[in-house]
Structure formats: C-alpha cells, structure tokens
Amino acid sequence: MSGYRNLHREKVLDDEAPIWQIQACSFSKSTDEWSVMSAGADGIVRIFCVREKEASEDLDASALSMTCTHVLLGTNQVFPPPSSSQTLVGCTQCQVVRNYVGDDDNAGAILIISLDFTGRLRVWTLEDEDFVGAAAAESEGEPKQLRAKDEFVVENATGTLLAATPPNLAGNGDLTAAVACLDGSISIVALGMATPNAKKEPSPVGTILYRWGSGSTPMSLCWHPTQLKIAIGRKDGVVEIITPTKKGQHRLTHHSGPVRTVGFTPDGQLLMTGSDDGSLAVWDVNRQVPTVVHHVVNAHASWILGISPLADSRRFVTAGADGKIHVWQLGTMHAPSHTFHIDQTSWTICASHRTEPQRLVSGSDKGWIQVFSM
C-alpha cells in the first residue's frame, strides 16, 4: 500500500472561514505526540495536540486524534470569538521558534508570534510545561487560554507575511522577525527579547532594526535553513535572495506572475518557487549564481498557494487553488509522484519534520485542517 494517505480531517472554523496558515511543530518529547498551530480568519491562534494511534490500514480518521489544547489571545481578544469577528481582519500568520543558539532542537523557551491583516504583531513566550497534552484539555473541556506578552503594530506592513528569524541564524542578540511592507521592503523587527547568552540588553519591542530590499509587493517569505538570508517572492514575478550585506544577494527572473510561495529544502541547496500562473521552478542556490534546474509549466491549473519541502530534501509538496496537493520527487519532475484531490482550496501546507512516518498538514478556505501521511 502507498505511504500517501489522508489520515484525518477536522472542522476548526465555522461559517466556512479560511485558515490562513498552518505550522506543524513539536512541543513534546513523546514520539507519538506532536502539535499543529493554526492562524485563521477569526483572529485566533490555536494549538492542537495530535496523538498517533497504533498503525492501521484504515484510510480514515482512526489513524490519529487531534484536540485543541491552547488558544493564544491578544490583549482585547475573547474566546470563543464572536461570529462577527470572522472578517477580513483575521490572523494571517503564526510562527514558532526556540530561544536557543546551539544544536539541541528542544532547548530554550518557546516563542510564538502572529500577524494580522492590520499589521499587528503579537508575541507569546511559553515553557515546555505549558503543554500538558490532549488528556488535560479533554478533562477540562476547554483549551487553555494564554495572553500575549507583547503586541504592537508594524508600520506599513502588508499584514500578510511574517517569518520569525531562527536564533541559530542570527546568533546571540535580539530575537527578531521579518515582516513584509507595502513599499516592497522587509522590516527586521525586534521582539523585545534576547537570546540567553546575549551580551547586551534587548532592543525595545517593536523597534525596526533594519529594512532590507525594495521592489514590488512581497507575496512570500522564507529564511534559509543554515544561512542568514531570506528568499522573497514578489508580485511582479521576481524572486530575490537578500542578505544583511550585498554579498550573496540575487535577483531571479523566471516567473511571469506573482510568486505566492517560496521554500528552501532542509539542506539549503535548493529553492522552490511557485507562481499564480501555475508554474513551478526549482533553483540550485548552491551555485555562485542560482540557476533553474527544474521547471514545470503547468504544475497546477491555477495559483500555487503553498510549497513545503520534506525532510529528505528530495521531495516537496505544492498546494494549488485548483484543489490539488501534489507530491514531487526530484529527478522525476515530469509529473507528480502522487496527488491528493481535495474538495476545498488548501491555502496553507506544512510538513512535520519530526514525525515518523512524516506528516503533512493543510488548512483550507472553508476552515478545515487535514493531515496526510507522506
């Protein structure tokens, strides 16, 4: 039997409101428990505990269970949110990093940030003990509510793009995030905290430390996994790779439509880019000048909304507005190696790199979360 399976599907938001971003993450050391974080049109960030059940051949939801254990709220937010809050002023982005510089992926406090359409950025800090698992949430009947440590508005932000800077890239010092701005630049914003071994006090929360790049409106952002540089997909089809200095910066022209999604492989050697014209490109960024090594003209019949590389750096997944999720294998790019046919539009996808077998999570335009086996 193929390893590609639809394992679970769960309604999260009512009134067919969209889920704008999904993050698969691990807050538990248990091998049969991991987490999903979602940002949706009701403005609330939710954390779900996913528990794997015993291996089964059933192609249905019996393979795992998913329980909402935490909701992350801003200063004036309430839960459950009033139905009128499901408007365009929703939460578009959520990200999680560990406040630690080193090799231990499970060390350091947990930092979660979110961004809404108004440009408001919220910051939560949590410890491992804050995650008590699904059993406690089920026994209490309600998810635990956590209030933001800080929140502020980023001037001129698009309100749609946020990328937390991994401390391992930036080194000891300020914790920061990259926020896309309407003038085409990327603001590197201080989160009001520093790494444990920082030699100076953190910059005030909300301070714009740097502005990187210029051009048409940013449509997508992604940090390189091992180097302090960021890939930006723009509305005019240009893809830029930007660094703190001009060394190693590149302006890549290939797509004819807006580049709505970009993603580096975990080994950092390749960059995948997807456009509104349905075209897909794979770039070798290990060369002195990044070069297209694969190009699929009609990878999707409509916009490519999401790209998620898998842990082996040889496969990656794309989600399109055509209602399909494709799995691609480098070396056989003439056609997808597998296709999931979805009856909704998956606005966001994310692979979990710490589960075995690997899982893929999607969030849809109608408020559903789906989990797939890779």
Protein backbone atom coordinates (compact mmCIF):
# COMPACT_ATOMS: atom_id res chain seq x y z
CA MET A 1 0.00 0.00 0.00
CA SER A 2 1.22 3.51 -0.81
CA GLY A 3 2.51 5.59 2.09
CA TYR A 4 0.49 8.57 0.85
CA ARG A 5 -2.72 8.58 2.87
CA ASN A 6 -5.35 11.03 4.04
CA LEU A 7 -5.31 10.36 7.79
CA HIS A 8 -7.52 12.96 9.42
CA ARG A 9 -9.89 15.82 8.64
CA GLU A 10 -11.33 18.20 11.21
CA LYS A 11 -13.51 21.32 11.10
CA VAL A 12 -11.87 24.18 13.04
CA LEU A 13 -13.61 27.41 11.98
CA ASP A 14 -17.35 27.90 11.48
CA ASP A 15 -19.13 29.76 8.66
CA GLU A 16 -16.59 28.46 6.13
CA ALA A 17 -13.96 30.98 7.27
CA PRO A 18 -10.44 30.30 5.97
CA ILE A 19 -7.38 29.06 7.80
CA TRP A 20 -4.57 31.27 6.53
CA GLN A 21 -1.55 29.47 7.97
CA ILE A 22 -0.64 26.09 9.44
CA GLN A 23 2.53 25.18 11.34
CA ALA A 24 3.48 21.61 12.27
CA CYS A 25 5.68 21.63 15.37
CA SER A 26 6.84 19.55 18.32
CA PHE A 27 6.40 20.64 21.94
CA SER A 28 6.55 17.12 23.38
CA LYS A 29 9.40 14.60 23.54
CA SER A 30 6.89 11.81 23.03
CA THR A 31 7.27 10.03 19.69
CA ASP A 32 3.52 9.54 19.33
CA GLU A 33 2.52 13.15 20.06
CA TRP A 34 3.12 16.35 18.07
CA SER A 35 1.37 19.68 17.55
CA VAL A 36 -0.35 21.76 14.88
CA MET A 37 -0.71 25.54 15.15
CA SER A 38 -3.24 27.47 13.05
CA ALA A 39 -3.99 31.12 12.26
CA GLY A 40 -7.45 31.86 10.90
CA ALA A 41 -9.99 34.44 9.85
CA ASP A 42 -11.42 34.74 13.38
CA GLY A 43 -8.09 36.24 14.53
CA ILE A 44 -7.28 33.39 16.96
CA VAL A 45 -4.14 31.26 17.07
CA ARG A 46 -4.93 27.68 18.10
CA ILE A 47 -2.61 24.85 19.13
CA PHE A 48 -3.73 21.26 18.64
CA CYS A 49 -2.20 18.17 20.19
CA VAL A 50 -2.01 15.35 17.63
CA ARG A 51 -1.75 11.84 19.00
CA GLU A 52 -0.76 8.94 16.79
CA LYS A 53 -2.65 5.70 17.28
CA GLU A 54 -1.40 2.22 16.52
CA ALA A 55 -0.53 1.59 12.90
CA SER A 56 -3.65 0.83 10.89
CA GLU A 57 -4.54 0.09 7.29
CA ASP A 58 -7.76 2.07 7.65
CA LEU A 59 -7.85 5.02 5.26
CA ASP A 60 -9.84 7.22 7.62
CA ALA A 61 -9.59 9.37 10.74
CA SER A 62 -8.91 6.38 13.00
CA ALA A 63 -5.17 6.79 12.40
CA LEU A 64 -4.81 9.72 14.83
CA SER A 65 -6.70 12.11 17.11
CA MET A 66 -6.45 15.90 17.30
CA THR A 67 -7.50 18.07 20.24
CA CYS A 68 -7.31 21.84 20.66
CA THR A 69 -5.24 22.31 23.83
CA HIS A 70 -4.41 26.05 23.74
CA VAL A 71 -5.74 29.28 22.28
CA LEU A 72 -3.40 32.27 22.11
CA LEU A 73 -5.10 35.62 22.62
CA GLY A 74 -4.21 39.27 22.31
CA THR A 75 -4.95 41.89 24.97
CA ASN A 76 -8.57 42.50 23.94
CA GLN A 77 -9.46 39.19 22.34
CA VAL A 78 -12.04 36.79 23.79
CA PHE A 79 -12.62 33.10 23.25
CA PRO A 80 -14.82 31.81 21.78
CA PRO A 81 -14.70 34.82 19.42
CA PRO A 82 -17.97 36.46 18.37
CA SER A 83 -19.12 35.27 14.94
CA SER A 84 -18.81 38.82 13.61
CA SER A 85 -15.03 38.60 14.07
CA GLN A 86 -14.70 36.31 11.06
CA THR A 87 -13.99 39.16 8.69
CA LEU A 88 -11.04 40.18 6.57
CA VAL A 89 -9.31 41.41 9.76
CA GLY A 90 -8.11 37.95 10.72
CA CYS A 91 -4.84 36.40 11.82
CA THR A 92 -2.84 35.59 8.70
CA GLN A 93 0.42 34.24 10.09
CA CYS A 94 1.76 32.22 13.03
CA GLN A 95 5.34 31.10 13.67
CA VAL A 96 7.21 29.26 16.41
CA VAL A 97 10.93 29.19 17.30
CA ARG A 98 13.04 28.17 20.31
CA ASN A 99 15.04 30.87 22.10
CA TYR A 100 18.30 28.97 21.92
CA VAL A 101 21.54 29.09 19.94
CA GLY A 102 23.01 25.59 19.67
CA ASP A 103 22.45 22.05 18.47
CA ASP A 104 19.62 20.96 20.81
CA ASP A 105 16.34 21.49 18.95
CA ASN A 106 14.34 21.04 22.17
CA ALA A 107 16.25 23.57 24.29
CA GLY A 108 15.16 27.09 25.16
CA ALA A 109 11.85 28.83 25.80
CA ILE A 110 9.17 28.57 23.13
CA LEU A 111 8.48 31.81 21.26
CA ILE A 112 5.28 32.12 19.22
CA ILE A 113 4.44 35.16 17.10
CA SER A 114 1.45 36.05 14.95
CA LEU A 115 0.45 38.76 12.48
CA ASP A 116 -2.98 40.00 11.48
CA PHE A 117 -4.25 41.96 8.47
CA THR A 118 -3.88 45.28 10.30
CA GLY A 119 -0.12 44.70 10.76
CA ARG A 120 -0.49 43.89 14.47
CA LEU A 121 2.19 41.50 15.68
CA ARG A 122 1.69 39.51 18.90
CA VAL A 123 4.33 37.68 20.93
CA TRP A 124 3.87 34.79 23.39
CA THR A 125 6.58 33.08 25.43
CA LEU A 126 5.96 29.59 26.77
CA GLU A 127 7.84 26.82 28.51
CA ASP A 128 7.58 23.08 27.87
CA GLU A 129 5.47 22.64 30.99
CA ASP A 130 2.76 24.85 29.44
CA PHE A 131 1.96 21.95 27.13
CA VAL A 132 0.14 19.39 29.18
CA GLY A 133 -1.12 17.34 26.22
CA ALA A 134 -4.55 16.43 24.96
CA ALA A 135 -5.69 14.48 28.04
CA ALA A 136 -5.75 17.54 30.28
CA ALA A 137 -7.62 19.62 27.73
CA GLU A 138 -10.20 16.89 27.27
CA SER A 139 -10.72 16.51 31.02
CA GLU A 140 -11.21 20.26 31.48
CA GLY A 141 -13.46 20.52 28.45
CA GLU A 142 -11.86 23.76 27.22
CA PRO A 143 -8.45 24.69 25.80
CA LYS A 144 -6.07 26.68 27.97
CA GLN A 145 -6.10 30.43 27.19
CA LEU A 146 -2.75 32.24 27.03
CA ARG A 147 -2.37 36.04 26.73
CA ALA A 148 0.27 37.71 24.58
CA LYS A 149 3.37 39.04 26.34
CA ASP A 150 3.58 41.94 23.87
CA GLU A 151 1.71 43.27 20.87
CA PHE A 152 2.40 46.16 18.54
CA VAL A 153 1.67 47.39 15.02
CA VAL A 154 4.43 47.25 12.39
CA GLU A 155 4.30 50.45 10.36
CA ASN A 156 3.38 49.98 6.68
CA ALA A 157 3.13 46.19 6.99
CA THR A 158 1.18 44.28 4.35
CA GLY A 159 -0.35 42.25 7.19
CA THR A 160 0.11 39.03 5.23
CA LEU A 161 3.75 37.93 5.58
CA LEU A 162 5.79 37.11 8.68
CA ALA A 163 8.91 34.98 9.19
CA ALA A 164 10.45 34.51 12.64
CA THR A 165 14.26 34.72 12.46
CA PRO A 166 15.74 31.43 13.75
CA PRO A 167 18.18 32.35 16.59
CA ASN A 168 20.70 29.87 15.18
CA LEU A 169 20.95 32.07 12.07
CA ALA A 170 21.08 35.46 13.77
CA GLY A 171 23.36 34.37 16.63
CA ASN A 172 23.30 35.71 20.18
CA GLY A 173 21.46 39.02 20.48
CA ASP A 174 17.98 40.31 19.67
CA LEU A 175 15.18 37.93 18.76
CA THR A 176 13.66 39.29 15.57
CA ALA A 177 11.10 38.66 12.85
CA ALA A 178 10.92 39.62 9.18
CA VAL A 179 7.73 41.49 8.22
CA ALA A 180 6.79 42.38 4.62
CA CYS A 181 5.92 46.04 3.96
CA LEU A 182 3.78 47.79 1.35
CA ASP A 183 6.76 49.72 -0.05
CA GLY A 184 8.39 46.42 -1.07
CA SER A 185 10.90 46.30 1.79
CA ILE A 186 11.26 43.72 4.57
CA SER A 187 11.39 45.12 8.11
CA ILE A 188 13.51 43.21 10.61
CA VAL A 189 11.64 43.89 13.85
CA ALA A 190 12.85 43.41 17.45
CA LEU A 191 10.62 41.20 19.60
CA GLY A 192 11.79 42.71 22.90
CA MET A 193 13.80 39.66 23.96
CA ALA A 194 17.34 38.41 23.52
CA THR A 195 18.99 35.01 23.45
CA PRO A 196 20.19 33.70 26.85
CA ASN A 197 23.87 34.46 26.15
CA ALA A 198 23.38 37.89 24.60
CA LYS A 199 25.97 40.45 25.70
CA LYS A 200 23.59 43.43 25.71
CA GLU A 201 20.04 44.25 26.69
CA PRO A 202 17.38 43.54 24.04
CA SER A 203 16.15 46.35 21.83
CA PRO A 204 12.70 47.73 22.74
CA VAL A 205 9.85 45.59 21.42
CA GLY A 206 8.63 46.73 18.00
CA THR A 207 11.85 48.53 17.04
CA ILE A 208 12.61 48.26 13.34
CA LEU A 209 16.30 47.34 13.35
CA TYR A 210 16.83 47.08 9.58
CA ARG A 211 14.98 47.42 6.30
CA TRP A 212 16.02 45.01 3.58
CA GLY A 213 15.28 45.10 -0.14
CA SER A 214 12.91 47.01 -2.39
CA GLY A 215 10.65 46.32 -5.34
CA SER A 216 7.05 45.29 -5.96
CA THR A 217 4.83 44.00 -3.17
CA PRO A 218 6.20 40.89 -1.38
CA MET A 219 3.95 37.85 -1.75
CA SER A 220 6.05 35.21 0.05
CA LEU A 221 8.96 34.90 2.50
CA CYS A 222 11.27 32.12 3.67
CA TRP A 223 14.51 32.08 5.70
CA HIS A 224 17.36 29.88 4.52
CA PRO A 225 17.78 26.95 6.97
CA THR A 226 21.50 27.43 7.65
CA GLN A 227 22.48 30.95 6.49
CA LEU A 228 21.25 34.43 7.40
CA LYS A 229 19.47 35.18 4.14
CA ILE A 230 15.85 35.30 3.09
CA ALA A 231 14.01 34.49 -0.13
CA ILE A 232 11.25 36.87 -1.23
CA GLY A 233 8.67 36.20 -3.94
CA ARG A 234 7.21 39.39 -5.40
CA LYS A 235 4.03 40.44 -7.18
CA ASP A 236 5.87 41.18 -10.44
CA GLY A 237 7.24 37.62 -10.61
CA VAL A 238 10.73 38.46 -9.35
CA VAL A 239 12.36 36.31 -6.68
CA GLU A 240 15.04 37.91 -4.52
CA ILE A 241 17.56 36.40 -2.14
CA ILE A 242 18.58 39.07 0.37
CA THR A 243 21.36 39.09 2.99
CA PRO A 244 22.40 41.66 5.64
CA THR A 245 25.21 42.67 3.27
CA LYS A 246 25.22 42.85 -0.52
CA LYS A 247 27.37 39.71 -0.73
CA GLY A 248 25.33 36.73 -1.85
CA GLN A 249 22.28 38.74 -2.91
CA HIS A 250 20.46 37.74 -6.09
CA ARG A 251 17.54 38.94 -8.19
CA LEU A 252 16.00 35.99 -10.03
CA THR A 253 13.69 36.46 -13.03
CA HIS A 254 11.77 33.47 -14.33
CA HIS A 255 8.08 33.67 -13.43
CA SER A 256 5.54 35.75 -15.35
CA GLY A 257 3.04 36.03 -12.49
CA PRO A 258 3.10 36.82 -8.77
CA VAL A 259 5.27 34.40 -6.77
CA ARG A 260 2.94 33.48 -3.93
CA THR A 261 5.12 30.81 -2.31
CA VAL A 262 8.84 30.03 -1.83
CA GLY A 263 10.62 27.33 0.15
CA PHE A 264 14.16 26.08 0.77
CA THR A 265 14.97 22.39 1.16
CA PRO A 266 16.17 21.49 4.69
CA ASP A 267 19.74 21.03 3.40
CA GLY A 268 19.63 24.58 1.97
CA GLN A 269 20.79 23.56 -1.52
CA LEU A 270 17.55 24.14 -3.44
CA LEU A 271 14.86 26.82 -3.54
CA MET A 272 11.36 26.07 -4.85
CA THR A 273 9.16 28.88 -6.17
CA GLY A 274 5.52 28.79 -7.28
CA SER A 275 3.59 31.38 -9.28
CA ASP A 276 0.00 32.45 -9.89
CA ASP A 277 0.34 31.20 -13.49
CA GLY A 278 0.65 27.66 -12.12
CA SER A 279 4.34 27.32 -12.94
CA LEU A 280 6.86 25.74 -10.58
CA ALA A 281 10.63 26.29 -10.55
CA VAL A 282 13.43 24.59 -8.63
CA TRP A 283 16.64 26.62 -8.24
CA ASP A 284 20.10 25.39 -7.33
CA VAL A 285 21.16 28.10 -4.86
CA ASN A 286 24.47 26.38 -4.10
CA ARG A 287 25.94 27.80 -7.31
CA GLN A 288 27.58 31.21 -7.49
CA VAL A 289 24.55 32.40 -9.46
CA PRO A 290 21.33 30.49 -8.63
CA THR A 291 20.13 28.52 -11.65
CA VAL A 292 16.82 26.86 -12.56
CA VAL A 293 17.37 23.09 -12.60
CA HIS A 294 13.70 22.04 -12.94
CA HIS A 295 10.72 23.88 -14.39
CA VAL A 296 7.12 22.65 -14.61
CA VAL A 297 4.94 24.93 -16.75
CA ASN A 298 1.52 23.70 -15.60
CA ALA A 299 2.28 22.24 -12.19
CA HIS A 300 -1.21 23.42 -11.15
CA ALA A 301 -4.16 24.67 -13.18
CA SER A 302 -4.32 27.84 -11.09
CA TRP A 303 -2.38 29.72 -8.39
CA ILE A 304 0.26 27.79 -6.45
CA LEU A 305 -0.53 28.75 -2.85
CA GLY A 306 1.95 26.75 -0.81
CA ILE A 307 5.23 24.84 -1.01
CA SER A 308 6.54 22.56 1.73
CA PRO A 309 9.83 20.66 1.36
CA LEU A 310 10.03 17.25 3.03
CA ALA A 311 12.76 16.16 5.43
CA ASP A 312 14.75 14.17 2.87
CA SER A 313 15.32 17.33 0.72
CA ARG A 314 14.43 15.18 -2.32
CA ARG A 315 10.67 15.54 -2.20
CA PHE A 316 8.41 18.54 -1.72
CA VAL A 317 4.69 19.27 -1.76
CA THR A 318 2.70 22.00 -3.52
CA ALA A 319 -0.88 23.13 -2.90
CA GLY A 320 -2.89 24.90 -5.60
CA ALA A 321 -6.11 26.83 -5.95
CA ASP A 322 -7.19 24.02 -8.30
CA GLY A 323 -7.99 21.86 -5.26
CA LYS A 324 -4.99 19.56 -5.63
CA ILE A 325 -1.98 18.82 -3.43
CA HIS A 326 0.95 17.40 -5.43
CA VAL A 327 3.94 15.47 -4.10
CA TRP A 328 7.04 15.98 -6.27
CA GLN A 329 10.22 13.89 -6.46
CA LEU A 330 13.43 15.46 -7.72
CA GLY A 331 14.64 13.55 -10.76
CA THR A 332 11.12 12.71 -11.95
CA MET A 333 9.68 16.20 -12.27
CA HIS A 334 7.74 15.49 -15.48
CA ALA A 335 4.73 14.62 -13.29
CA PRO A 336 3.82 14.50 -9.56
CA SER A 337 4.64 11.23 -7.81
CA HIS A 338 1.28 11.48 -6.02
CA THR A 339 -1.75 13.79 -5.98
CA PHE A 340 -4.28 14.34 -3.21
CA HIS A 341 -7.60 15.57 -4.63
CA ILE A 342 -9.19 17.97 -2.13
CA ASP A 343 -12.75 19.29 -2.32
CA GLN A 344 -11.55 22.62 -0.87
CA THR A 345 -8.74 25.08 -1.56
CA SER A 346 -5.72 24.50 0.68
CA TRP A 347 -4.37 27.97 1.44
CA THR A 348 -1.52 26.64 3.56
CA ILE A 349 0.51 23.44 3.93
CA CYS A 350 3.32 22.44 6.27
CA ALA A 351 5.32 19.23 6.68
CA SER A 352 6.30 17.94 10.09
CA HIS A 353 9.98 17.02 10.03
CA ARG A 354 9.99 15.32 13.46
CA THR A 355 7.42 12.58 12.97
CA GLU A 356 7.99 9.13 11.55
CA PRO A 357 6.40 8.47 9.17
CA GLN A 358 6.36 12.09 8.07
CA ARG A 359 3.08 14.04 8.16
CA LEU A 360 1.74 16.88 6.03
CA VAL A 361 -0.90 19.29 7.38
CA SER A 362 -3.12 21.61 5.32
CA GLY A 363 -5.56 24.40 6.19
CA SER A 364 -8.42 25.20 3.84
CA ASP A 365 -10.54 28.11 2.70
CA LYS A 366 -13.53 26.55 4.49
CA GLY A 367 -11.92 26.20 7.93
CA TRP A 368 -10.79 22.56 7.82
CA ILE A 369 -7.47 21.03 8.87
CA GLN A 370 -6.36 17.85 7.10
CA VAL A 371 -3.46 15.54 7.95
CA PHE A 372 -1.74 13.32 5.38
CA SER A 373 0.92 10.63 5.67
CA MET A 374 3.99 11.07 3.49
